[in-house]
Amino acid sequence: MFKSFFSRAAAVAAPLVLLIGEAHASLPTGVTDAVTAGGVDGASLMGALASTGAGLYIVWKILKKAGIML
């Protein structure tokens, strides 16, 4: 049962992957550059948010240990 399911899923997924690749290849250069820059900006934002969260967690732990914050 699973073997036939996965073979059908692979048969459906293979043409979709080819279509997506062709659609991406037909994008203008400006759009491709904008998508790449957006990904870099998003990664920078996530890094900044993660480091801010870690900093707030450390400050919270220090204040809790000092008895200032419950």
PDB file of N, CA and C in Angstrom:
ATOM      1  N   MET A   1       0.827  -1.190   0.000  1.00  0.00           N
ATOM      2  CA  MET A   1       0.000   0.000   0.000  1.00  0.00           C
ATOM      3  C   MET A   1       0.871   1.253   0.000  1.00  0.00           C
ATOM      4  N   PHE A   2       1.848   1.317   0.925  1.00  0.00           N
ATOM      5  CA  PHE A   2       2.681   2.507   1.011  1.00  0.00           C
ATOM      6  C   PHE A   2       3.560   2.663  -0.228  1.00  0.00           C
ATOM      7  N   LYS A   3       3.991   1.544  -0.768  1.00  0.00           N
ATOM      8  CA  LYS A   3       4.859   1.598  -1.933  1.00  0.00           C
ATOM      9  C   LYS A   3       4.119   2.232  -3.116  1.00  0.00           C
ATOM     10  N   SER A   4       2.870   1.849  -3.324  1.00  0.00           N
ATOM     11  CA  SER A   4       2.109   2.420  -4.430  1.00  0.00           C
ATOM     12  C   SER A   4       1.793   3.890  -4.161  1.00  0.00           C
ATOM     13  N   PHE A   5       1.548   4.234  -2.900  1.00  0.00           N
ATOM     14  CA  PHE A   5       1.274   5.629  -2.565  1.00  0.00           C
ATOM     15  C   PHE A   5       2.473   6.512  -2.860  1.00  0.00           C
ATOM     16  N   PHE A   6       3.656   6.067  -2.412  1.00  0.00           N
ATOM     17  CA  PHE A   6       4.852   6.874  -2.629  1.00  0.00           C
ATOM     18  C   PHE A   6       5.237   6.939  -4.099  1.00  0.00           C
ATOM     19  N   SER A   7       5.000   5.879  -4.842  1.00  0.00           N
ATOM     20  CA  SER A   7       5.308   5.933  -6.267  1.00  0.00           C
ATOM     21  C   SER A   7       4.361   6.888  -6.982  1.00  0.00           C
ATOM     22  N   ARG A   8       3.099   6.926  -6.569  1.00  0.00           N
ATOM     23  CA  ARG A   8       2.159   7.893  -7.152  1.00  0.00           C
ATOM     24  C   ARG A   8       2.539   9.316  -6.759  1.00  0.00           C
ATOM     25  N   ALA A   9       2.915   9.505  -5.508  1.00  0.00           N
ATOM     26  CA  ALA A   9       3.304  10.838  -5.051  1.00  0.00           C
ATOM     27  C   ALA A   9       4.530  11.325  -5.808  1.00  0.00           C
ATOM     28  N   ALA A  10       5.478  10.449  -6.039  1.00  0.00           N
ATOM     29  CA  ALA A  10       6.671  10.828  -6.794  1.00  0.00           C
ATOM     30  C   ALA A  10       6.321  11.139  -8.238  1.00  0.00           C
ATOM     31  N   ALA A  11       5.391  10.395  -8.802  1.00  0.00           N
ATOM     32  CA  ALA A  11       4.985  10.639 -10.187  1.00  0.00           C
ATOM     33  C   ALA A  11       4.278  11.983 -10.320  1.00  0.00           C
ATOM     34  N   VAL A  12       3.571  12.414  -9.301  1.00  0.00           N
ATOM     35  CA  VAL A  12       2.896  13.715  -9.330  1.00  0.00           C
ATOM     36  C   VAL A  12       3.879  14.832  -9.030  1.00  0.00           C
ATOM     37  N   ALA A  13       4.806  14.602  -8.113  1.00  0.00           N
ATOM     38  CA  ALA A  13       5.719  15.660  -7.675  1.00  0.00           C
ATOM     39  C   ALA A  13       6.775  15.996  -8.714  1.00  0.00           C
ATOM     40  N   ALA A  14       7.226  15.026  -9.481  1.00  0.00           N
ATOM     41  CA  ALA A  14       8.309  15.271 -10.441  1.00  0.00           C
ATOM     42  C   ALA A  14       7.941  16.336 -11.482  1.00  0.00           C
ATOM     43  N   PRO A  15       6.785  16.260 -12.125  1.00  0.00           N
ATOM     44  CA  PRO A  15       6.453  17.328 -13.081  1.00  0.00           C
ATOM     45  C   PRO A  15       6.266  18.688 -12.418  1.00  0.00           C
ATOM     46  N   LEU A  16       5.748  18.698 -11.185  1.00  0.00           N
ATOM     47  CA  LEU A  16       5.566  19.973 -10.491  1.00  0.00           C
ATOM     48  C   LEU A  16       6.904  20.644 -10.220  1.00  0.00           C
ATOM     49  N   VAL A  17       7.905  19.863  -9.839  1.00  0.00           N
ATOM     50  CA  VAL A  17       9.239  20.415  -9.590  1.00  0.00           C
ATOM     51  C   VAL A  17       9.807  21.003 -10.879  1.00  0.00           C
ATOM     52  N   LEU A  18       9.605  20.325 -11.983  1.00  0.00           N
ATOM     53  CA  LEU A  18      10.088  20.846 -13.264  1.00  0.00           C
ATOM     54  C   LEU A  18       9.380  22.135 -13.642  1.00  0.00           C
ATOM     55  N   LEU A  19       8.067  22.208 -13.400  1.00  0.00           N
ATOM     56  CA  LEU A  19       7.320  23.424 -13.715  1.00  0.00           C
ATOM     57  C   LEU A  19       7.770  24.593 -12.848  1.00  0.00           C
ATOM     58  N   ILE A  20       8.017  24.334 -11.584  1.00  0.00           N
ATOM     59  CA  ILE A  20       8.475  25.395 -10.681  1.00  0.00           C
ATOM     60  C   ILE A  20       9.845  25.891 -11.112  1.00  0.00           C
ATOM     61  N   GLY A  21      10.723  24.974 -11.479  1.00  0.00           N
ATOM     62  CA  GLY A  21      12.051  25.367 -11.947  1.00  0.00           C
ATOM     63  C   GLY A  21      11.988  26.209 -13.209  1.00  0.00           C
ATOM     64  N   GLU A  22      11.105  25.852 -14.136  1.00  0.00           N
ATOM     65  CA  GLU A  22      10.955  26.626 -15.360  1.00  0.00           C
ATOM     66  C   GLU A  22      10.352  27.995 -15.063  1.00  0.00           C
ATOM     67  N   ALA A  23       9.406  28.059 -14.149  1.00  0.00           N
ATOM     68  CA  ALA A  23       8.799  29.343 -13.799  1.00  0.00           C
ATOM     69  C   ALA A  23       9.825  30.252 -13.152  1.00  0.00           C
ATOM     70  N   HIS A  24      10.668  29.693 -12.308  1.00  0.00           N
ATOM     71  CA  HIS A  24      11.695  30.504 -11.658  1.00  0.00           C
ATOM     72  C   HIS A  24      12.741  30.966 -12.670  1.00  0.00           C
ATOM     73  N   ALA A  25      13.060  30.134 -13.642  1.00  0.00           N
ATOM     74  CA  ALA A  25      14.055  30.503 -14.647  1.00  0.00           C
ATOM     75  C   ALA A  25      13.547  31.621 -15.546  1.00  0.00           C
ATOM     76  N   SER A  26      12.230  31.753 -15.688  1.00  0.00           N
ATOM     77  CA  SER A  26      11.698  32.778 -16.577  1.00  0.00           C
ATOM     78  C   SER A  26      11.508  34.131 -15.893  1.00  0.00           C
ATOM     79  N   LEU A  27      11.827  34.231 -14.609  1.00  0.00           N
ATOM     80  CA  LEU A  27      11.706  35.514 -13.909  1.00  0.00           C
ATOM     81  C   LEU A  27      12.764  36.490 -14.400  1.00  0.00           C
ATOM     82  N   PRO A  28      12.432  37.775 -14.471  1.00  0.00           N
ATOM     83  CA  PRO A  28      13.441  38.770 -14.825  1.00  0.00           C
ATOM     84  C   PRO A  28      14.540  38.843 -13.766  1.00  0.00           C
ATOM     85  N   THR A  29      15.675  39.352 -14.155  1.00  0.00           N
ATOM     86  CA  THR A  29      16.822  39.424 -13.254  1.00  0.00           C
ATOM     87  C   THR A  29      16.525  40.295 -12.033  1.00  0.00           C
ATOM     88  N   GLY A  30      15.806  41.382 -12.232  1.00  0.00           N
ATOM     89  CA  GLY A  30      15.478  42.272 -11.114  1.00  0.00           C
ATOM     90  C   GLY A  30      14.642  41.594 -10.053  1.00  0.00           C
ATOM     91  N   VAL A  31      13.715  40.760 -10.485  1.00  0.00           N
ATOM     92  CA  VAL A  31      12.863  40.048  -9.531  1.00  0.00           C
ATOM     93  C   VAL A  31      13.690  39.028  -8.751  1.00  0.00           C
ATOM     94  N   THR A  32      14.555  38.317  -9.446  1.00  0.00           N
ATOM     95  CA  THR A  32      15.412  37.340  -8.780  1.00  0.00           C
ATOM     96  C   THR A  32      16.317  38.017  -7.758  1.00  0.00           C
ATOM     97  N   ASP A  33      16.880  39.168  -8.115  1.00  0.00           N
ATOM     98  CA  ASP A  33      17.723  39.910  -7.174  1.00  0.00           C
ATOM     99  C   ASP A  33      16.924  40.386  -5.966  1.00  0.00           C
ATOM    100  N   ALA A  34      15.692  40.834  -6.199  1.00  0.00           N
ATOM    101  CA  ALA A  34      14.861  41.318  -5.093  1.00  0.00           C
ATOM    102  C   ALA A  34      14.494  40.181  -4.144  1.00  0.00           C
ATOM    103  N   VAL A  35      14.200  39.016  -4.703  1.00  0.00           N
ATOM    104  CA  VAL A  35      13.863  37.864  -3.850  1.00  0.00           C
ATOM    105  C   VAL A  35      15.075  37.458  -3.019  1.00  0.00           C
ATOM    106  N   THR A  36      16.252  37.462  -3.629  1.00  0.00           N
ATOM    107  CA  THR A  36      17.477  37.116  -2.909  1.00  0.00           C
ATOM    108  C   THR A  36      17.760  38.135  -1.805  1.00  0.00           C
ATOM    109  N   ALA A  37      17.631  39.419  -2.113  1.00  0.00           N
ATOM    110  CA  ALA A  37      17.866  40.462  -1.109  1.00  0.00           C
ATOM    111  C   ALA A  37      16.846  40.358   0.018  1.00  0.00           C
ATOM    112  N   GLY A  38      15.607  40.047  -0.317  1.00  0.00           N
ATOM    113  CA  GLY A  38      14.584  39.879   0.715  1.00  0.00           C
ATOM    114  C   GLY A  38      14.902  38.734   1.649  1.00  0.00           C
ATOM    115  N   GLY A  39      15.454  37.659   1.094  1.00  0.00           N
ATOM    116  CA  GLY A  39      15.848  36.529   1.934  1.00  0.00           C
ATOM    117  C   GLY A  39      16.969  36.899   2.880  1.00  0.00           C
ATOM    118  N   VAL A  40      17.922  37.690   2.390  1.00  0.00           N
ATOM    119  CA  VAL A  40      19.032  38.138   3.231  1.00  0.00           C
ATOM    120  C   VAL A  40      18.514  39.072   4.320  1.00  0.00           C
ATOM    121  N   ASP A  41      17.600  39.984   3.958  1.00  0.00           N
ATOM    122  CA  ASP A  41      17.033  40.887   4.953  1.00  0.00           C
ATOM    123  C   ASP A  41      16.228  40.128   6.002  1.00  0.00           C
ATOM    124  N   GLY A  42      15.501  39.130   5.562  1.00  0.00           N
ATOM    125  CA  GLY A  42      14.722  38.327   6.508  1.00  0.00           C
ATOM    126  C   GLY A  42      15.615  37.558   7.470  1.00  0.00           C
ATOM    127  N   ALA A  43      16.719  37.035   6.956  1.00  0.00           N
ATOM    128  CA  ALA A  43      17.656  36.303   7.825  1.00  0.00           C
ATOM    129  C   ALA A  43      18.307  37.249   8.825  1.00  0.00           C
ATOM    130  N   SER A  44      18.628  38.453   8.381  1.00  0.00           N
ATOM    131  CA  SER A  44      19.201  39.455   9.299  1.00  0.00           C
ATOM    132  C   SER A  44      18.205  39.816  10.390  1.00  0.00           C
ATOM    133  N   LEU A  45      16.946  39.987  10.013  1.00  0.00           N
ATOM    134  CA  LEU A  45      15.909  40.313  10.993  1.00  0.00           C
ATOM    135  C   LEU A  45      15.743  39.186  12.001  1.00  0.00           C
ATOM    136  N   MET A  46      15.727  37.952  11.528  1.00  0.00           N
ATOM    137  CA  MET A  46      15.571  36.826  12.449  1.00  0.00           C
ATOM    138  C   MET A  46      16.770  36.715  13.395  1.00  0.00           C
ATOM    139  N   GLY A  47      17.962  36.991  12.896  1.00  0.00           N
ATOM    140  CA  GLY A  47      19.142  36.986  13.755  1.00  0.00           C
ATOM    141  C   GLY A  47      19.069  38.056  14.824  1.00  0.00           C
ATOM    142  N   ALA A  48      18.618  39.248  14.432  1.00  0.00           N
ATOM    143  CA  ALA A  48      18.493  40.341  15.399  1.00  0.00           C
ATOM    144  C   ALA A  48      17.440  40.019  16.453  1.00  0.00           C
ATOM    145  N   LEU A  49      16.318  39.458  16.030  1.00  0.00           N
ATOM    146  CA  LEU A  49      15.270  39.102  16.991  1.00  0.00           C
ATOM    147  C   LEU A  49      15.721  37.993  17.933  1.00  0.00           C
ATOM    148  N   ALA A  50      16.454  37.026  17.406  1.00  0.00           N
ATOM    149  CA  ALA A  50      16.937  35.934  18.256  1.00  0.00           C
ATOM    150  C   ALA A  50      17.936  36.440  19.288  1.00  0.00           C
ATOM    151  N   SER A  51      18.852  37.316  18.875  1.00  0.00           N
ATOM    152  CA  SER A  51      19.832  37.828  19.829  1.00  0.00           C
ATOM    153  C   SER A  51      19.170  38.742  20.862  1.00  0.00           C
ATOM    154  N   THR A  52      18.165  39.501  20.465  1.00  0.00           N
ATOM    155  CA  THR A  52      17.440  40.337  21.423  1.00  0.00           C
ATOM    156  C   THR A  52      16.700  39.470  22.435  1.00  0.00           C
ATOM    157  N   GLY A  53      16.068  38.410  21.952  1.00  0.00           N
ATOM    158  CA  GLY A  53      15.372  37.499  22.854  1.00  0.00           C
ATOM    159  C   GLY A  53      16.319  36.831  23.834  1.00  0.00           C
ATOM    160  N   ALA A  54      17.491  36.423  23.348  1.00  0.00           N
ATOM    161  CA  ALA A  54      18.474  35.798  24.233  1.00  0.00           C
ATOM    162  C   ALA A  54      18.961  36.792  25.279  1.00  0.00           C
ATOM    163  N   GLY A  55      19.175  38.031  24.873  1.00  0.00           N
ATOM    164  CA  GLY A  55      19.612  39.064  25.821  1.00  0.00           C
ATOM    165  C   GLY A  55      18.573  39.329  26.888  1.00  0.00           C
ATOM    166  N   LEU A  56      17.314  39.424  26.478  1.00  0.00           N
ATOM    167  CA  LEU A  56      16.244  39.646  27.454  1.00  0.00           C
ATOM    168  C   LEU A  56      16.114  38.462  28.411  1.00  0.00           C
ATOM    169  N   TYR A  57      16.297  37.259  27.902  1.00  0.00           N
ATOM    170  CA  TYR A  57      16.227  36.072  28.756  1.00  0.00           C
ATOM    171  C   TYR A  57      17.348  36.087  29.789  1.00  0.00           C
ATOM    172  N   ILE A  58      18.550  36.464  29.380  1.00  0.00           N
ATOM    173  CA  ILE A  58      19.685  36.515  30.313  1.00  0.00           C
ATOM    174  C   ILE A  58      19.456  37.572  31.381  1.00  0.00           C
ATOM    175  N   VAL A  59      18.977  38.739  30.985  1.00  0.00           N
ATOM    176  CA  VAL A  59      18.693  39.797  31.965  1.00  0.00           C
ATOM    177  C   VAL A  59      17.607  39.343  32.927  1.00  0.00           C
ATOM    178  N   TRP A  60      16.571  38.677  32.414  1.00  0.00           N
ATOM    179  CA  TRP A  60      15.503  38.180  33.265  1.00  0.00           C
ATOM    180  C   TRP A  60      16.032  37.171  34.287  1.00  0.00           C
ATOM    181  N   LYS A  61      16.913  36.270  33.832  1.00  0.00           N
ATOM    182  CA  LYS A  61      17.485  35.286  34.754  1.00  0.00           C
ATOM    183  C   LYS A  61      18.333  35.959  35.835  1.00  0.00           C
ATOM    184  N   ILE A  62      19.124  36.968  35.461  1.00  0.00           N
ATOM    185  CA  ILE A  62      19.952  37.673  36.439  1.00  0.00           C
ATOM    186  C   ILE A  62      19.075  38.398  37.463  1.00  0.00           C
ATOM    187  N   LEU A  63      18.040  39.085  36.982  1.00  0.00           N
ATOM    188  CA  LEU A  63      17.149  39.799  37.903  1.00  0.00           C
ATOM    189  C   LEU A  63      16.387  38.830  38.808  1.00  0.00           C
ATOM    190  N   LYS A  64      16.010  37.698  38.284  1.00  0.00           N
ATOM    191  CA  LYS A  64      15.311  36.708  39.082  1.00  0.00           C
ATOM    192  C   LYS A  64      16.232  36.137  40.168  1.00  0.00           C
ATOM    193  N   LYS A  65      17.495  35.892  39.792  1.00  0.00           N
ATOM    194  CA  LYS A  65      18.456  35.360  40.760  1.00  0.00           C
ATOM    195  C   LYS A  65      18.758  36.390  41.842  1.00  0.00           C
ATOM    196  N   ALA A  66      18.771  37.673  41.473  1.00  0.00           N
ATOM    197  CA  ALA A  66      19.040  38.730  42.447  1.00  0.00           C
ATOM    198  C   ALA A  66      17.831  39.006  43.335  1.00  0.00           C
ATOM    199  N   GLY A  67      16.684  38.444  42.990  1.00  0.00           N
ATOM    200  CA  GLY A  67      15.493  38.640  43.804  1.00  0.00           C
ATOM    201  C   GLY A  67      14.739  39.913  43.477  1.00  0.00           C
ATOM    202  N   ILE A  68      15.130  40.587  42.417  1.00  0.00           N
ATOM    203  CA  ILE A  68      14.456  41.831  42.032  1.00  0.00           C
ATOM    204  C   ILE A  68      13.151  41.530  41.306  1.00  0.00           C
ATOM    205  N   MET A  69      13.150  40.460  40.556  1.00  0.00           N
ATOM    206  CA  MET A  69      11.980  40.121  39.755  1.00  0.00           C
ATOM    207  C   MET A  69      11.478  38.750  40.181  1.00  0.00           C
ATOM    208  N   LEU A  70      10.167  38.626  40.312  1.00  0.00           N
ATOM    209  CA  LEU A  70       9.613  37.343  40.734  1.00  0.00           C
ATOM    210  C   LEU A  70       9.385  36.457  39.595  1.00  0.00           C
TER     211      LEU A  70
END
